Each structure stands twice: as C-alpha cells, then as structure tokens.
Amino acid sequence: MMNSRVDFHFIDKPGELLIPRSWRAHQNGHQGLPMFLQQSIAFLILLILSPLLLLIILAIRLESQGGAIYKQVRVGKHGEHFGFYKLRTMYTENDPKYIAPNASESNREGICLKFKKDPRITRLGYYLRRYSLDELPQLWNVVCGQMALVGPRPALTREVAQYALSDMARLKVLPGITGLWQVSGRADIAFDQQLELDKRYIAEQSPVNDLFILLLTVPAVLSAKGAY
C-alpha cells in the first residue's frame, strides 16, 4: 500500500540503506543547477565568509562547553549516510546549563519535534539558528558532493525509518541546504507538508526553479520567519 510505513534494512555496504535497484535504474539525473556550479559557489562563499565563521566558532567555544562544530549522521541520495556539519547551537548534555525539553511541549507534530522555546539552545545559538548561520558548515558538504545548495533537507535516520513508501522519493536526489519548504515557512511547516513540498520540488526540479528558490532564501533568512 502506498501510504503504509516501511522498514529499512541495512546491507553489507556501510552507510547505505537497502534501496530497490529499479529506483536507481529508472530515476532521472540531476535536473537542477549543474553541480560543478553549485560546488564552485559553495567554495567561494566559504572563502568569503571564513573570517565570520572563525569568529562565530570562537564565540561558541567561549560561551559554553563543547566543540563549535558537530557532525551528525544524515541520510542522503540513495539512502547513503554521510557526515552532516552544523555549528553547535545547544548546550552539551554534560553542561550544567543543559535542560532537556518536554516532548509534549513541541510546537510541531510528527516525527521531527521543534520547540519555540527550547531550553537546550544557548544565547548565541538562538541568533545563529534564527538567521541560519548554524548551517554555514554545510557548504563544505556541498563542496564534497554530499549535498546541493538546493534540495530536500537531509533527513535523520529515525525520520527515514518512518517514511511512507511514497516518501522515499526524497532519497532520489541530493539533499540541499535550502529548498521549497524552507522558503515557504521553515519550521512552521508541518512535517508531512515538508515531505510533500520536497516531492513537488523533485518533480519540478530545474535550473530556473533552483535559482528562484535561492533568491527566495535570502528574504526568508533575513525575515527569520519560522526559524527556531
């Protein structure tokens, strides 16, 4: 049944989910902005913003315990796992200031919980998340070819394990730093609606649409609407 939930099983190759071979044989190639162009843009932005990035890293280390950049396992194209980089915006669990949130107080229903007043977030982390500065290290993921500038956000393994069969279409393309649902309300968008917007993006992927989403990302970030 198309709406039933599916369980994923790992195969011998590390970091890869069992994806039907027919998916790989019949899926279209990348239809958005050429990847070499996206990788070049990402590298250039990293060079330009490197002084700012170093200052933020220093500020994070001074404010709270733990490293400034953390690596998290995410699910990418074809279900392959990769190291996803972000600036740390929360207290670590061994920090005296760390307070675990109450799951019942989540401001978003579904698999991925979100809290508008998350007690784990540091003072600096609040502003980093508000203006998406915590996402800057993902430009390196783009340079490495693990992500694109535009595409579905890379999912957590626990999210993918709960996908309906139709939702697996998200794994047919490279995940992105920004996408259709990021410019449509960010965290205010319900999880199921995020999936639908991602599938719509994949069906309509083109260089023009990618450029349009990139242009819309700037005011979406500056307005900070739906960012928490």
C-alpha atoms as a PDB file:
ATOM      1  CA  MET A   1       0.000   0.000   0.000  1.00  0.00           C
ATOM      2  CA  MET A   2       1.375   3.398  -0.933  1.00  0.00           C
ATOM      3  CA  ASN A   3       0.598   5.026   2.416  1.00  0.00           C
ATOM      4  CA  SER A   4       1.892   2.247   4.605  1.00  0.00           C
ATOM      5  CA  ARG A   5       5.028   2.764   6.643  1.00  0.00           C
ATOM      6  CA  VAL A   6       8.071   0.803   5.564  1.00  0.00           C
ATOM      7  CA  ASP A   7      11.022  -0.586   7.492  1.00  0.00           C
ATOM      8  CA  PHE A   8      14.508  -0.151   6.102  1.00  0.00           C
ATOM      9  CA  HIS A   9      17.225  -2.768   6.416  1.00  0.00           C
ATOM     10  CA  PHE A  10      20.943  -2.185   6.043  1.00  0.00           C
ATOM     11  CA  ILE A  11      23.031  -4.071   3.530  1.00  0.00           C
ATOM     12  CA  ASP A  12      26.699  -5.008   3.737  1.00  0.00           C
ATOM     13  CA  LYS A  13      27.964  -1.759   2.276  1.00  0.00           C
ATOM     14  CA  PRO A  14      28.413   0.616   5.252  1.00  0.00           C
ATOM     15  CA  GLY A  15      26.261   3.712   5.363  1.00  0.00           C
ATOM     16  CA  GLU A  16      23.713   2.639   2.763  1.00  0.00           C
ATOM     17  CA  LEU A  17      20.079   1.686   3.068  1.00  0.00           C
ATOM     18  CA  LEU A  18      18.501  -1.070   1.045  1.00  0.00           C
ATOM     19  CA  ILE A  19      17.007   0.780  -1.928  1.00  0.00           C
ATOM     20  CA  PRO A  20      15.308  -1.171  -4.737  1.00  0.00           C
ATOM     21  CA  ARG A  21      17.590  -1.441  -7.781  1.00  0.00           C
ATOM     22  CA  SER A  22      14.698  -0.410 -10.015  1.00  0.00           C
ATOM     23  CA  TRP A  23      14.798   3.033  -8.361  1.00  0.00           C
ATOM     24  CA  ARG A  24      18.387   3.567  -9.430  1.00  0.00           C
ATOM     25  CA  ALA A  25      17.811   2.228 -12.915  1.00  0.00           C
ATOM     26  CA  HIS A  26      14.808   4.401 -13.721  1.00  0.00           C
ATOM     27  CA  GLN A  27      15.368   7.655 -11.888  1.00  0.00           C
ATOM     28  CA  ASN A  28      16.279  10.800 -13.817  1.00  0.00           C
ATOM     29  CA  GLY A  29      19.637  12.505 -13.488  1.00  0.00           C
ATOM     30  CA  HIS A  30      20.175  15.824 -11.703  1.00  0.00           C
ATOM     31  CA  GLN A  31      17.860  18.381 -13.333  1.00  0.00           C
ATOM     32  CA  GLY A  32      18.735  21.465 -11.273  1.00  0.00           C
ATOM     33  CA  LEU A  33      21.669  23.849 -11.411  1.00  0.00           C
ATOM     34  CA  PRO A  34      24.802  21.958 -12.554  1.00  0.00           C
ATOM     35  CA  MET A  35      26.587  20.511  -9.533  1.00  0.00           C
ATOM     36  CA  PHE A  36      30.008  21.845 -10.549  1.00  0.00           C
ATOM     37  CA  LEU A  37      28.469  25.339 -10.464  1.00  0.00           C
ATOM     38  CA  GLN A  38      26.858  24.740  -7.065  1.00  0.00           C
ATOM     39  CA  GLN A  39      30.124  23.371  -5.671  1.00  0.00           C
ATOM     40  CA  SER A  40      32.054  26.361  -7.025  1.00  0.00           C
ATOM     41  CA  ILE A  41      29.558  28.801  -5.494  1.00  0.00           C
ATOM     42  CA  ALA A  42      29.690  26.979  -2.140  1.00  0.00           C
ATOM     43  CA  PHE A  43      33.518  27.077  -2.103  1.00  0.00           C
ATOM     44  CA  LEU A  44      33.535  30.785  -2.957  1.00  0.00           C
ATOM     45  CA  ILE A  45      31.026  31.591  -0.196  1.00  0.00           C
ATOM     46  CA  LEU A  46      33.131  29.610   2.288  1.00  0.00           C
ATOM     47  CA  LEU A  47      36.209  31.632   1.361  1.00  0.00           C
ATOM     48  CA  ILE A  48      34.393  34.955   1.654  1.00  0.00           C
ATOM     49  CA  LEU A  49      32.700  34.099   4.948  1.00  0.00           C
ATOM     50  CA  SER A  50      35.656  32.283   6.538  1.00  0.00           C
ATOM     51  CA  PRO A  51      36.586  35.250   8.821  1.00  0.00           C
ATOM     52  CA  LEU A  52      32.975  35.420  10.082  1.00  0.00           C
ATOM     53  CA  LEU A  53      32.888  31.653  10.526  1.00  0.00           C
ATOM     54  CA  LEU A  54      36.087  31.714  12.598  1.00  0.00           C
ATOM     55  CA  LEU A  55      34.675  34.477  14.824  1.00  0.00           C
ATOM     56  CA  ILE A  56      31.471  32.505  15.390  1.00  0.00           C
ATOM     57  CA  ILE A  57      33.464  29.364  16.226  1.00  0.00           C
ATOM     58  CA  LEU A  58      35.484  31.307  18.793  1.00  0.00           C
ATOM     59  CA  ALA A  59      32.323  32.807  20.325  1.00  0.00           C
ATOM     60  CA  ILE A  60      30.685  29.377  20.627  1.00  0.00           C
ATOM     61  CA  ARG A  61      33.744  27.936  22.384  1.00  0.00           C
ATOM     62  CA  LEU A  62      33.836  30.878  24.800  1.00  0.00           C
ATOM     63  CA  GLU A  63      30.137  30.732  25.628  1.00  0.00           C
ATOM     64  CA  SER A  64      29.669  27.056  26.524  1.00  0.00           C
ATOM     65  CA  GLN A  65      31.342  23.674  26.855  1.00  0.00           C
ATOM     66  CA  GLY A  66      31.985  21.511  23.806  1.00  0.00           C
ATOM     67  CA  GLY A  67      33.195  21.846  20.248  1.00  0.00           C
ATOM     68  CA  ALA A  68      31.915  24.560  17.954  1.00  0.00           C
ATOM     69  CA  ILE A  69      31.131  22.288  15.013  1.00  0.00           C
ATOM     70  CA  TYR A  70      29.382  18.963  15.347  1.00  0.00           C
ATOM     71  CA  LYS A  71      28.954  16.125  12.915  1.00  0.00           C
ATOM     72  CA  GLN A  72      25.688  14.233  12.662  1.00  0.00           C
ATOM     73  CA  VAL A  73      24.752  11.216  10.564  1.00  0.00           C
ATOM     74  CA  ARG A  74      22.141  12.079   7.927  1.00  0.00           C
ATOM     75  CA  VAL A  75      20.575  10.160   5.061  1.00  0.00           C
ATOM     76  CA  GLY A  76      21.427  11.376   1.568  1.00  0.00           C
ATOM     77  CA  LYS A  77      20.920  10.337  -2.024  1.00  0.00           C
ATOM     78  CA  HIS A  78      20.147   6.623  -2.496  1.00  0.00           C
ATOM     79  CA  GLY A  79      19.866   6.309   1.285  1.00  0.00           C
ATOM     80  CA  GLU A  80      23.609   6.678   1.780  1.00  0.00           C
ATOM     81  CA  HIS A  81      24.725   8.005   5.156  1.00  0.00           C
ATOM     82  CA  PHE A  82      27.114  10.949   5.373  1.00  0.00           C
ATOM     83  CA  GLY A  83      28.562  13.291   7.980  1.00  0.00           C
ATOM     84  CA  PHE A  84      26.401  16.429   8.167  1.00  0.00           C
ATOM     85  CA  TYR A  85      28.064  19.530   9.669  1.00  0.00           C
ATOM     86  CA  LYS A  86      26.466  22.270  11.745  1.00  0.00           C
ATOM     87  CA  LEU A  87      27.593  24.915  14.182  1.00  0.00           C
ATOM     88  CA  ARG A  88      26.630  23.877  17.693  1.00  0.00           C
ATOM     89  CA  THR A  89      23.716  25.959  18.999  1.00  0.00           C
ATOM     90  CA  MET A  90      22.823  23.884  22.077  1.00  0.00           C
ATOM     91  CA  TYR A  91      24.397  23.108  25.409  1.00  0.00           C
ATOM     92  CA  THR A  92      26.016  19.683  25.523  1.00  0.00           C
ATOM     93  CA  GLU A  93      24.383  17.112  27.817  1.00  0.00           C
ATOM     94  CA  ASN A  94      27.271  17.287  30.308  1.00  0.00           C
ATOM     95  CA  ASP A  95      26.938  21.074  30.612  1.00  0.00           C
ATOM     96  CA  PRO A  96      25.346  22.204  33.928  1.00  0.00           C
ATOM     97  CA  LYS A  97      23.092  24.547  31.924  1.00  0.00           C
ATOM     98  CA  TYR A  98      21.643  21.730  29.825  1.00  0.00           C
ATOM     99  CA  ILE A  99      17.893  21.174  30.337  1.00  0.00           C
ATOM    100  CA  ALA A 100      16.075  18.510  28.335  1.00  0.00           C
ATOM    101  CA  PRO A 101      12.835  19.716  26.737  1.00  0.00           C
ATOM    102  CA  ASN A 102       9.452  18.143  27.379  1.00  0.00           C
ATOM    103  CA  ALA A 103       8.377  16.319  24.205  1.00  0.00           C
ATOM    104  CA  SER A 104       4.722  17.136  24.933  1.00  0.00           C
ATOM    105  CA  GLU A 105       5.547  20.848  24.551  1.00  0.00           C
ATOM    106  CA  SER A 106       6.730  20.536  20.942  1.00  0.00           C
ATOM    107  CA  ASN A 107       5.380  23.231  18.621  1.00  0.00           C
ATOM    108  CA  ARG A 108       5.350  20.837  15.689  1.00  0.00           C
ATOM    109  CA  GLU A 109       3.668  17.462  15.473  1.00  0.00           C
ATOM    110  CA  GLY A 110       5.148  14.462  13.727  1.00  0.00           C
ATOM    111  CA  ILE A 111       8.470  12.667  13.785  1.00  0.00           C
ATOM    112  CA  CYS A 112      10.682  15.741  13.992  1.00  0.00           C
ATOM    113  CA  LEU A 113       9.858  17.763  17.115  1.00  0.00           C
ATOM    114  CA  LYS A 114      10.539  21.506  17.302  1.00  0.00           C
ATOM    115  CA  PHE A 115      10.365  23.819  20.302  1.00  0.00           C
ATOM    116  CA  LYS A 116      10.000  27.589  20.009  1.00  0.00           C
ATOM    117  CA  LYS A 117      11.453  27.910  23.498  1.00  0.00           C
ATOM    118  CA  ASP A 118      13.968  25.080  23.567  1.00  0.00           C
ATOM    119  CA  PRO A 119      15.911  25.189  26.879  1.00  0.00           C
ATOM    120  CA  ARG A 120      18.879  23.469  25.251  1.00  0.00           C
ATOM    121  CA  ILE A 121      19.656  26.414  22.972  1.00  0.00           C
ATOM    122  CA  THR A 122      22.407  28.823  24.036  1.00  0.00           C
ATOM    123  CA  ARG A 123      22.026  32.594  23.855  1.00  0.00           C
ATOM    124  CA  LEU A 124      24.321  32.785  20.852  1.00  0.00           C
ATOM    125  CA  GLY A 125      22.696  29.688  19.380  1.00  0.00           C
ATOM    126  CA  TYR A 126      19.337  31.461  19.329  1.00  0.00           C
ATOM    127  CA  TYR A 127      20.658  34.042  16.844  1.00  0.00           C
ATOM    128  CA  LEU A 128      22.642  31.520  14.834  1.00  0.00           C
ATOM    129  CA  ARG A 129      19.503  29.453  14.309  1.00  0.00           C
ATOM    130  CA  ARG A 130      17.293  32.493  13.718  1.00  0.00           C
ATOM    131  CA  TYR A 131      19.406  33.606  10.764  1.00  0.00           C
ATOM    132  CA  SER A 132      20.519  30.108   9.684  1.00  0.00           C
ATOM    133  CA  LEU A 133      24.188  30.862  10.357  1.00  0.00           C
ATOM    134  CA  ASP A 134      24.463  27.451  12.002  1.00  0.00           C
ATOM    135  CA  GLU A 135      24.066  25.940   8.525  1.00  0.00           C
ATOM    136  CA  LEU A 136      27.247  27.535   7.109  1.00  0.00           C
ATOM    137  CA  PRO A 137      29.435  24.407   7.570  1.00  0.00           C
ATOM    138  CA  GLN A 138      27.102  22.532   5.194  1.00  0.00           C
ATOM    139  CA  LEU A 139      28.708  24.485   2.376  1.00  0.00           C
ATOM    140  CA  TRP A 140      31.582  22.047   2.842  1.00  0.00           C
ATOM    141  CA  ASN A 141      29.116  19.168   2.352  1.00  0.00           C
ATOM    142  CA  VAL A 142      28.204  20.789  -0.971  1.00  0.00           C
ATOM    143  CA  VAL A 143      31.862  21.149  -1.967  1.00  0.00           C
ATOM    144  CA  CYS A 144      32.348  17.448  -1.196  1.00  0.00           C
ATOM    145  CA  GLY A 145      29.364  16.498  -3.368  1.00  0.00           C
ATOM    146  CA  GLN A 146      27.297  15.102  -0.466  1.00  0.00           C
ATOM    147  CA  MET A 147      24.714  17.883  -0.697  1.00  0.00           C
ATOM    148  CA  ALA A 148      23.483  20.518  -3.131  1.00  0.00           C
ATOM    149  CA  LEU A 149      22.660  24.147  -2.475  1.00  0.00           C
ATOM    150  CA  VAL A 150      19.002  23.371  -3.276  1.00  0.00           C
ATOM    151  CA  GLY A 151      17.170  20.149  -2.483  1.00  0.00           C
ATOM    152  CA  PRO A 152      15.255  18.312   0.238  1.00  0.00           C
ATOM    153  CA  ARG A 153      16.801  18.721   3.672  1.00  0.00           C
ATOM    154  CA  PRO A 154      18.876  15.663   4.650  1.00  0.00           C
ATOM    155  CA  ALA A 155      16.799  13.513   6.979  1.00  0.00           C
ATOM    156  CA  LEU A 156      17.720  11.839  10.238  1.00  0.00           C
ATOM    157  CA  THR A 157      17.800   8.045  10.143  1.00  0.00           C
ATOM    158  CA  ARG A 158      14.843   7.862  12.548  1.00  0.00           C
ATOM    159  CA  GLU A 159      12.806  10.054  10.202  1.00  0.00           C
ATOM    160  CA  VAL A 160      13.564   7.898   7.169  1.00  0.00           C
ATOM    161  CA  ALA A 161      12.592   4.768   9.097  1.00  0.00           C
ATOM    162  CA  GLN A 162       9.075   6.216   9.415  1.00  0.00           C
ATOM    163  CA  TYR A 163       8.660   7.239   5.783  1.00  0.00           C
ATOM    164  CA  ALA A 164       5.661   6.072   3.814  1.00  0.00           C
ATOM    165  CA  LEU A 165       6.653   4.253   0.631  1.00  0.00           C
ATOM    166  CA  SER A 166       5.782   7.330  -1.440  1.00  0.00           C
ATOM    167  CA  ASP A 167       8.046   9.491   0.753  1.00  0.00           C
ATOM    168  CA  MET A 168      11.114   7.508  -0.300  1.00  0.00           C
ATOM    169  CA  ALA A 169      11.187   9.665  -3.441  1.00  0.00           C
ATOM    170  CA  ARG A 170      13.115  12.206  -1.335  1.00  0.00           C
ATOM    171  CA  LEU A 171      16.093   9.852  -1.464  1.00  0.00           C
ATOM    172  CA  LYS A 172      16.345  10.014  -5.255  1.00  0.00           C
ATOM    173  CA  VAL A 173      18.215  13.341  -5.270  1.00  0.00           C
ATOM    174  CA  LEU A 174      20.985  15.049  -3.354  1.00  0.00           C
ATOM    175  CA  PRO A 175      19.757  16.775  -0.189  1.00  0.00           C
ATOM    176  CA  GLY A 176      20.149  20.535  -0.050  1.00  0.00           C
ATOM    177  CA  ILE A 177      20.901  23.432   2.270  1.00  0.00           C
ATOM    178  CA  THR A 178      17.730  25.217   1.206  1.00  0.00           C
ATOM    179  CA  GLY A 179      14.595  24.063  -0.543  1.00  0.00           C
ATOM    180  CA  LEU A 180      10.969  24.692  -1.326  1.00  0.00           C
ATOM    181  CA  TRP A 181       9.677  24.288   2.221  1.00  0.00           C
ATOM    182  CA  GLN A 182      12.475  26.413   3.677  1.00  0.00           C
ATOM    183  CA  VAL A 183      11.201  29.373   1.659  1.00  0.00           C
ATOM    184  CA  SER A 184       7.580  28.528   2.476  1.00  0.00           C
ATOM    185  CA  GLY A 185       7.678  28.891   6.256  1.00  0.00           C
ATOM    186  CA  ARG A 186      10.674  26.892   7.556  1.00  0.00           C
ATOM    187  CA  ALA A 187       9.946  25.211  10.890  1.00  0.00           C
ATOM    188  CA  ASP A 188       6.325  26.404  10.866  1.00  0.00           C
ATOM    189  CA  ILE A 189       5.630  23.880   8.096  1.00  0.00           C
ATOM    190  CA  ALA A 190       4.260  20.547   9.369  1.00  0.00           C
ATOM    191  CA  PHE A 191       6.462  17.506   8.754  1.00  0.00           C
ATOM    192  CA  ASP A 192       4.023  15.837   6.339  1.00  0.00           C
ATOM    193  CA  GLN A 193       3.729  19.081   4.378  1.00  0.00           C
ATOM    194  CA  GLN A 194       7.520  19.339   4.230  1.00  0.00           C
ATOM    195  CA  LEU A 195       7.614  15.916   2.595  1.00  0.00           C
ATOM    196  CA  GLU A 196       5.004  16.934   0.036  1.00  0.00           C
ATOM    197  CA  LEU A 197       6.864  20.150  -0.830  1.00  0.00           C
ATOM    198  CA  ASP A 198      10.114  18.203  -1.239  1.00  0.00           C
ATOM    199  CA  LYS A 199       8.439  15.722  -3.581  1.00  0.00           C
ATOM    200  CA  ARG A 200       6.987  18.626  -5.561  1.00  0.00           C
ATOM    201  CA  TYR A 201      10.463  20.156  -5.847  1.00  0.00           C
ATOM    202  CA  ILE A 202      11.894  16.863  -7.148  1.00  0.00           C
ATOM    203  CA  ALA A 203       9.118  16.532  -9.749  1.00  0.00           C
ATOM    204  CA  GLU A 204       9.671  20.121 -10.944  1.00  0.00           C
ATOM    205  CA  GLN A 205      13.452  20.362 -10.483  1.00  0.00           C
ATOM    206  CA  SER A 206      15.118  22.676 -12.994  1.00  0.00           C
ATOM    207  CA  PRO A 207      17.914  25.292 -13.066  1.00  0.00           C
ATOM    208  CA  VAL A 208      15.322  28.077 -13.150  1.00  0.00           C
ATOM    209  CA  ASN A 209      13.473  26.709 -10.116  1.00  0.00           C
ATOM    210  CA  ASP A 210      16.766  26.318  -8.249  1.00  0.00           C
ATOM    211  CA  LEU A 211      17.673  29.947  -8.953  1.00  0.00           C
ATOM    212  CA  PHE A 212      14.208  31.058  -7.878  1.00  0.00           C
ATOM    213  CA  ILE A 213      14.496  29.163  -4.569  1.00  0.00           C
ATOM    214  CA  LEU A 214      17.991  30.557  -3.929  1.00  0.00           C
ATOM    215  CA  LEU A 215      16.688  34.104  -4.480  1.00  0.00           C
ATOM    216  CA  LEU A 216      13.741  33.491  -2.134  1.00  0.00           C
ATOM    217  CA  THR A 217      16.087  32.074   0.507  1.00  0.00           C
ATOM    218  CA  VAL A 218      17.678  35.478   1.156  1.00  0.00           C
ATOM    219  CA  PRO A 219      14.495  37.282   2.350  1.00  0.00           C
ATOM    220  CA  ALA A 220      13.320  34.080   4.106  1.00  0.00           C
ATOM    221  CA  VAL A 221      16.524  34.021   6.177  1.00  0.00           C
ATOM    222  CA  LEU A 222      16.565  37.760   6.864  1.00  0.00           C
ATOM    223  CA  SER A 223      12.924  37.760   7.988  1.00  0.00           C
ATOM    224  CA  ALA A 224      13.658  34.836  10.359  1.00  0.00           C
ATOM    225  CA  LYS A 225      10.044  33.717   9.959  1.00  0.00           C
ATOM    226  CA  GLY A 226       9.555  30.155  11.187  1.00  0.00           C
ATOM    227  CA  ALA A 227      13.127  29.935  12.490  1.00  0.00           C
ATOM    228  CA  TYR A 228      13.569  28.367  15.930  1.00  0.00           C
END
